[in-house]
Structures are given as structure tokens and as C-alpha cells.
């Protein structure tokens, strides 16, 4: 892998880990990395998320990283998961996906610090 890793590469790496572990809910309609990948030049970032109902249909889980560089707040998108389901059970399944993503991202980053600097 080229270094530093990009936001797109990190999203798809964690997605692959989740697939391999059978942690992706079958209700997903798609998972898509952010369209503007950028190199991740620090491992000292926070993973941020928004899990909410879509404006017209379904449930979205958006993920991004956030950190400060020279006093300036930087935010870069990782990707989005979406389901067309809107019931309570679907929301709980998407919340489970969020938890699984956070756990796997944390483990991967801590085990591969050199890929992010």
C-alpha cells in the first residue's frame, strides 16, 4: 500500500474487514467511499459519524475524520452506508454497523500507525 493511506483506502479497508467478519447487515443498499479522497497524514484523528434518517427515504450512516492542524479544524469524509429500510429494527442494525466500524477502525489504525503518517 502506498503511504500515507487515503481516506478512501481507509474506508474500503475497514469495509473489507467488516465483510470478512460477517459484520455487514444484509439490509444495506450500498456502501460508498467519499468522492474526494485525501491522504491521511496523522493517526491522531477522531472518527466522527452521523446516523440518521434520510431526507426522503431510508437511513444513512456518514463517516468522516476530524483533527486539528496548526490550530485549524480539518474534516475529511470517509464514506456512507445506506439502507432503504426505515423501521426501528433497521436503525438498531445501522447503529450496530456504526459500532462495528468504530471498533475495527480503532484496531486497524492502532495496528498500522506507519500507514497514516
Protein backbone atom coordinates (compact mmCIF):
# COMPACT_ATOMS: atom_id res chain seq x y z
CA UNK A 1 0.00 0.00 0.00
CA UNK A 2 1.26 3.46 -0.79
CA UNK A 3 1.80 5.77 2.14
CA UNK A 4 0.20 7.73 3.50
CA UNK A 5 -3.12 5.92 3.22
CA UNK A 6 -6.04 7.94 1.82
CA UNK A 7 -9.46 8.39 3.36
CA UNK A 8 -10.91 6.23 0.59
CA UNK A 9 -8.40 3.45 1.24
CA UNK A 10 -9.16 3.51 4.96
CA UNK A 11 -12.91 3.30 4.35
CA UNK A 12 -12.56 0.34 2.00
CA UNK A 13 -10.02 -1.37 4.27
CA UNK A 14 -12.45 -1.28 7.20
CA UNK A 15 -15.30 -2.29 4.89
CA UNK A 16 -13.28 -5.36 3.81
CA UNK A 17 -12.58 -6.26 7.44
CA UNK A 18 -16.29 -6.00 8.26
CA UNK A 19 -17.17 -8.16 5.24
CA UNK A 20 -14.60 -10.78 6.22
CA UNK A 21 -16.04 -10.92 9.74
CA UNK A 22 -19.66 -11.06 8.54
CA UNK A 23 -20.48 -7.78 10.29
CA UNK A 24 -22.29 -6.01 7.43
CA UNK A 25 -26.07 -6.08 7.82
CA UNK A 26 -27.93 -7.63 4.88
CA UNK A 27 -30.26 -4.62 4.78
CA UNK A 28 -27.55 -2.38 3.26
CA UNK A 29 -28.32 -0.96 -0.15
CA UNK A 30 -24.84 0.42 -0.64
CA UNK A 31 -21.56 1.46 0.91
CA UNK A 32 -19.58 4.15 -0.86
CA UNK A 33 -16.34 5.96 -0.08
CA UNK A 34 -16.33 9.75 -0.18
CA UNK A 35 -15.64 11.06 -3.69
CA UNK A 36 -12.76 13.33 -2.64
CA UNK A 37 -10.07 11.14 -1.09
CA UNK A 38 -7.19 12.84 0.70
CA UNK A 39 -4.00 11.45 2.26
CA UNK A 40 -4.24 10.84 6.00
CA UNK A 41 -1.10 12.46 7.38
CA UNK A 42 -1.73 11.79 11.07
CA UNK A 43 -3.07 8.95 13.14
CA UNK A 44 -4.22 11.43 15.77
CA UNK A 45 -7.70 11.97 14.37
CA UNK A 46 -11.18 11.41 15.69
CA UNK A 47 -13.65 9.25 13.81
CA UNK A 48 -16.95 11.13 13.53
CA UNK A 49 -20.33 9.91 12.36
CA UNK A 50 -23.89 10.86 11.64
CA UNK A 51 -26.54 8.15 11.77
CA UNK A 52 -29.92 9.50 10.78
CA UNK A 53 -32.97 9.12 8.61
CA UNK A 54 -32.56 10.35 5.06
CA UNK A 55 -34.42 13.37 3.77
CA UNK A 56 -36.69 11.30 1.57
CA UNK A 57 -36.10 7.64 2.40
CA UNK A 58 -34.03 5.19 4.35
CA UNK A 59 -31.27 5.53 6.90
CA UNK A 60 -27.79 6.91 6.27
CA UNK A 61 -24.56 6.40 8.18
CA UNK A 62 -21.97 9.01 7.21
CA UNK A 63 -18.39 8.74 8.49
CA UNK A 64 -15.52 11.23 8.48
CA UNK A 65 -12.28 12.01 10.28
CA UNK A 66 -11.58 15.20 12.15
CA UNK A 67 -8.38 16.68 13.56
CA UNK A 68 -6.62 19.98 14.15
CA UNK A 69 -3.65 21.04 12.03
CA UNK A 70 -1.86 24.23 13.10
CA UNK A 71 -4.95 25.31 15.02
CA UNK A 72 -7.26 24.74 12.04
CA UNK A 73 -10.05 22.14 12.20
CA UNK A 74 -9.80 19.65 9.33
CA UNK A 75 -12.65 17.33 8.33
CA UNK A 76 -12.45 14.73 5.59
CA UNK A 77 -15.16 12.31 4.54
CA UNK A 78 -14.59 8.57 4.66
CA UNK A 79 -17.82 7.22 3.27
CA UNK A 80 -21.50 6.42 3.58
CA UNK A 81 -23.64 3.37 4.26
CA UNK A 82 -27.32 3.40 3.30
CA UNK A 83 -30.37 1.24 3.70
CA UNK A 84 -33.84 1.89 2.33
CA UNK A 85 -35.36 0.37 5.47
CA UNK A 86 -36.71 2.91 7.95
CA UNK A 87 -38.10 0.89 10.85
CA UNK A 88 -36.75 0.75 14.39
CA UNK A 89 -35.04 -2.59 13.82
CA UNK A 90 -33.18 -1.15 10.82
CA UNK A 91 -31.99 1.82 12.88
CA UNK A 92 -30.62 -0.54 15.52
CA UNK A 93 -28.86 -2.62 12.84
CA UNK A 94 -27.27 0.51 11.38
CA UNK A 95 -26.19 1.55 14.89
CA UNK A 96 -24.59 -1.89 15.24
CA UNK A 97 -22.77 -1.29 11.96
CA UNK A 98 -21.51 2.03 13.31
CA UNK A 99 -20.21 0.32 16.46
CA UNK A 100 -18.51 -2.40 14.41
CA UNK A 101 -16.89 0.21 12.14
CA UNK A 102 -15.59 2.18 15.14
CA UNK A 103 -14.13 -0.94 16.76
CA UNK A 104 -12.43 -2.17 13.57
CA UNK A 105 -11.16 1.29 12.57
CA UNK A 106 -9.65 1.78 16.02
CA UNK A 107 -7.92 -1.61 15.94
CA UNK A 108 -6.66 -1.13 12.38
CA UNK A 109 -5.29 2.37 12.93
CA UNK A 110 -3.55 1.39 16.17
CA UNK A 111 -2.02 -1.63 14.45
CA UNK A 112 -0.88 0.30 11.36
CA UNK A 113 0.28 3.72 12.52
CA UNK A 114 3.02 3.85 9.88
CA UNK A 115 0.42 3.73 7.08
CA UNK A 116 -1.09 7.01 8.30
CA UNK A 117 1.96 9.26 8.58
